[in-house]
Amino acid sequence: MIKISNYQQNETQKLVTELTKLSQGNTDVVIELAPCDANTQTTYETFLLIGASVSQCVASIKALGRSMQKS
């Protein structure tokens, strides 16, 4: 359980760092997950989904910015 907890804590901190950048207008958001093992596989997959959602949001924000520049 400690291994999973440590993995979650590390990945959560990375996510918070990238979301903070985004909240400050920096769309150069990169979420790179640490490799997983058999113990952290499920947690890794959860963070993969979260990362994909964040990437989708960033892409939408960038598209909106481009759209507003054309107007």
C-alpha atoms as a PDB file:
ATOM      1  CA  MET A   1       0.000   0.000   0.000  1.00  0.00           C
ATOM      2  CA  ILE A   2       2.882   2.390   0.693  1.00  0.00           C
ATOM      3  CA  LYS A   3       4.159   1.919  -2.845  1.00  0.00           C
ATOM      4  CA  ILE A   4       0.753   2.868  -4.277  1.00  0.00           C
ATOM      5  CA  SER A   5       0.466   5.827  -1.933  1.00  0.00           C
ATOM      6  CA  ASN A   6       3.904   7.094  -2.927  1.00  0.00           C
ATOM      7  CA  TYR A   7       3.084   6.676  -6.606  1.00  0.00           C
ATOM      8  CA  GLN A   8      -0.190   8.590  -6.179  1.00  0.00           C
ATOM      9  CA  GLN A   9       1.524  11.367  -4.262  1.00  0.00           C
ATOM     10  CA  ASN A  10       4.264  11.789  -6.873  1.00  0.00           C
ATOM     11  CA  GLU A  11       1.881  11.753  -9.824  1.00  0.00           C
ATOM     12  CA  THR A  12      -0.559  14.090  -8.083  1.00  0.00           C
ATOM     13  CA  GLN A  13       2.240  16.592  -7.484  1.00  0.00           C
ATOM     14  CA  LYS A  14       3.189  16.486 -11.171  1.00  0.00           C
ATOM     15  CA  LEU A  15      -0.442  17.056 -12.114  1.00  0.00           C
ATOM     16  CA  VAL A  16      -0.785  19.985  -9.703  1.00  0.00           C
ATOM     17  CA  THR A  17       2.392  21.561 -11.109  1.00  0.00           C
ATOM     18  CA  GLU A  18       1.122  21.321 -14.681  1.00  0.00           C
ATOM     19  CA  LEU A  19      -2.378  22.552 -13.799  1.00  0.00           C
ATOM     20  CA  THR A  20      -0.839  25.509 -11.982  1.00  0.00           C
ATOM     21  CA  LYS A  21       1.106  26.375 -15.141  1.00  0.00           C
ATOM     22  CA  LEU A  22      -2.111  26.155 -17.136  1.00  0.00           C
ATOM     23  CA  SER A  23      -3.963  28.379 -14.676  1.00  0.00           C
ATOM     24  CA  GLN A  24      -1.264  30.999 -15.253  1.00  0.00           C
ATOM     25  CA  GLY A  25      -1.818  30.914 -19.014  1.00  0.00           C
ATOM     26  CA  ASN A  26       1.028  28.570 -19.906  1.00  0.00           C
ATOM     27  CA  THR A  27      -0.341  25.957 -22.284  1.00  0.00           C
ATOM     28  CA  ASP A  28       2.955  24.073 -22.513  1.00  0.00           C
ATOM     29  CA  VAL A  29       1.540  21.384 -20.261  1.00  0.00           C
ATOM     30  CA  VAL A  30       3.225  17.995 -20.312  1.00  0.00           C
ATOM     31  CA  ILE A  31       2.155  15.197 -18.031  1.00  0.00           C
ATOM     32  CA  GLU A  32       4.702  12.402 -18.072  1.00  0.00           C
ATOM     33  CA  LEU A  33       3.839   9.513 -15.824  1.00  0.00           C
ATOM     34  CA  ALA A  34       6.403   7.456 -14.005  1.00  0.00           C
ATOM     35  CA  PRO A  35       6.565   3.841 -15.124  1.00  0.00           C
ATOM     36  CA  CYS A  36       4.325   1.487 -13.220  1.00  0.00           C
ATOM     37  CA  ASP A  37       4.668  -2.032 -11.944  1.00  0.00           C
ATOM     38  CA  ALA A  38       2.135  -4.676 -11.008  1.00  0.00           C
ATOM     39  CA  ASN A  39       1.335  -2.868  -7.765  1.00  0.00           C
ATOM     40  CA  THR A  40       0.773   0.562  -9.311  1.00  0.00           C
ATOM     41  CA  GLN A  41      -0.818  -0.477 -12.627  1.00  0.00           C
ATOM     42  CA  THR A  42      -4.373   0.528 -11.672  1.00  0.00           C
ATOM     43  CA  THR A  43      -3.226   3.881 -10.304  1.00  0.00           C
ATOM     44  CA  TYR A  44      -1.154   4.458 -13.441  1.00  0.00           C
ATOM     45  CA  GLU A  45      -4.207   3.795 -15.631  1.00  0.00           C
ATOM     46  CA  THR A  46      -6.234   6.295 -13.607  1.00  0.00           C
ATOM     47  CA  PHE A  47      -3.564   8.954 -14.079  1.00  0.00           C
ATOM     48  CA  LEU A  48      -3.442   8.117 -17.794  1.00  0.00           C
ATOM     49  CA  LEU A  49      -7.144   8.997 -18.032  1.00  0.00           C
ATOM     50  CA  ILE A  50      -6.635  12.189 -16.056  1.00  0.00           C
ATOM     51  CA  GLY A  51      -3.676  13.150 -18.239  1.00  0.00           C
ATOM     52  CA  ALA A  52      -5.671  12.537 -21.405  1.00  0.00           C
ATOM     53  CA  SER A  53      -8.464  14.756 -20.095  1.00  0.00           C
ATOM     54  CA  VAL A  54      -6.022  17.524 -19.230  1.00  0.00           C
ATOM     55  CA  SER A  55      -4.469  17.252 -22.698  1.00  0.00           C
ATOM     56  CA  GLN A  56      -7.925  17.545 -24.236  1.00  0.00           C
ATOM     57  CA  CYS A  57      -8.623  20.680 -22.188  1.00  0.00           C
ATOM     58  CA  VAL A  58      -5.300  22.211 -23.212  1.00  0.00           C
ATOM     59  CA  ALA A  59      -6.022  21.487 -26.877  1.00  0.00           C
ATOM     60  CA  SER A  60      -9.429  23.162 -26.536  1.00  0.00           C
ATOM     61  CA  ILE A  61      -7.891  26.207 -24.855  1.00  0.00           C
ATOM     62  CA  LYS A  62      -5.288  26.508 -27.615  1.00  0.00           C
ATOM     63  CA  ALA A  63      -7.981  26.188 -30.300  1.00  0.00           C
ATOM     64  CA  LEU A  64     -10.070  28.844 -28.604  1.00  0.00           C
ATOM     65  CA  GLY A  65      -7.041  31.145 -28.453  1.00  0.00           C
ATOM     66  CA  ARG A  66      -6.352  30.655 -32.161  1.00  0.00           C
ATOM     67  CA  SER A  67     -10.002  31.281 -32.954  1.00  0.00           C
ATOM     68  CA  MET A  68     -10.012  34.511 -30.971  1.00  0.00           C
ATOM     69  CA  GLN A  69      -6.829  35.723 -32.703  1.00  0.00           C
ATOM     70  CA  LYS A  70      -8.498  35.292 -36.109  1.00  0.00           C
ATOM     71  CA  SER A  71     -11.495  37.373 -35.077  1.00  0.00           C
END
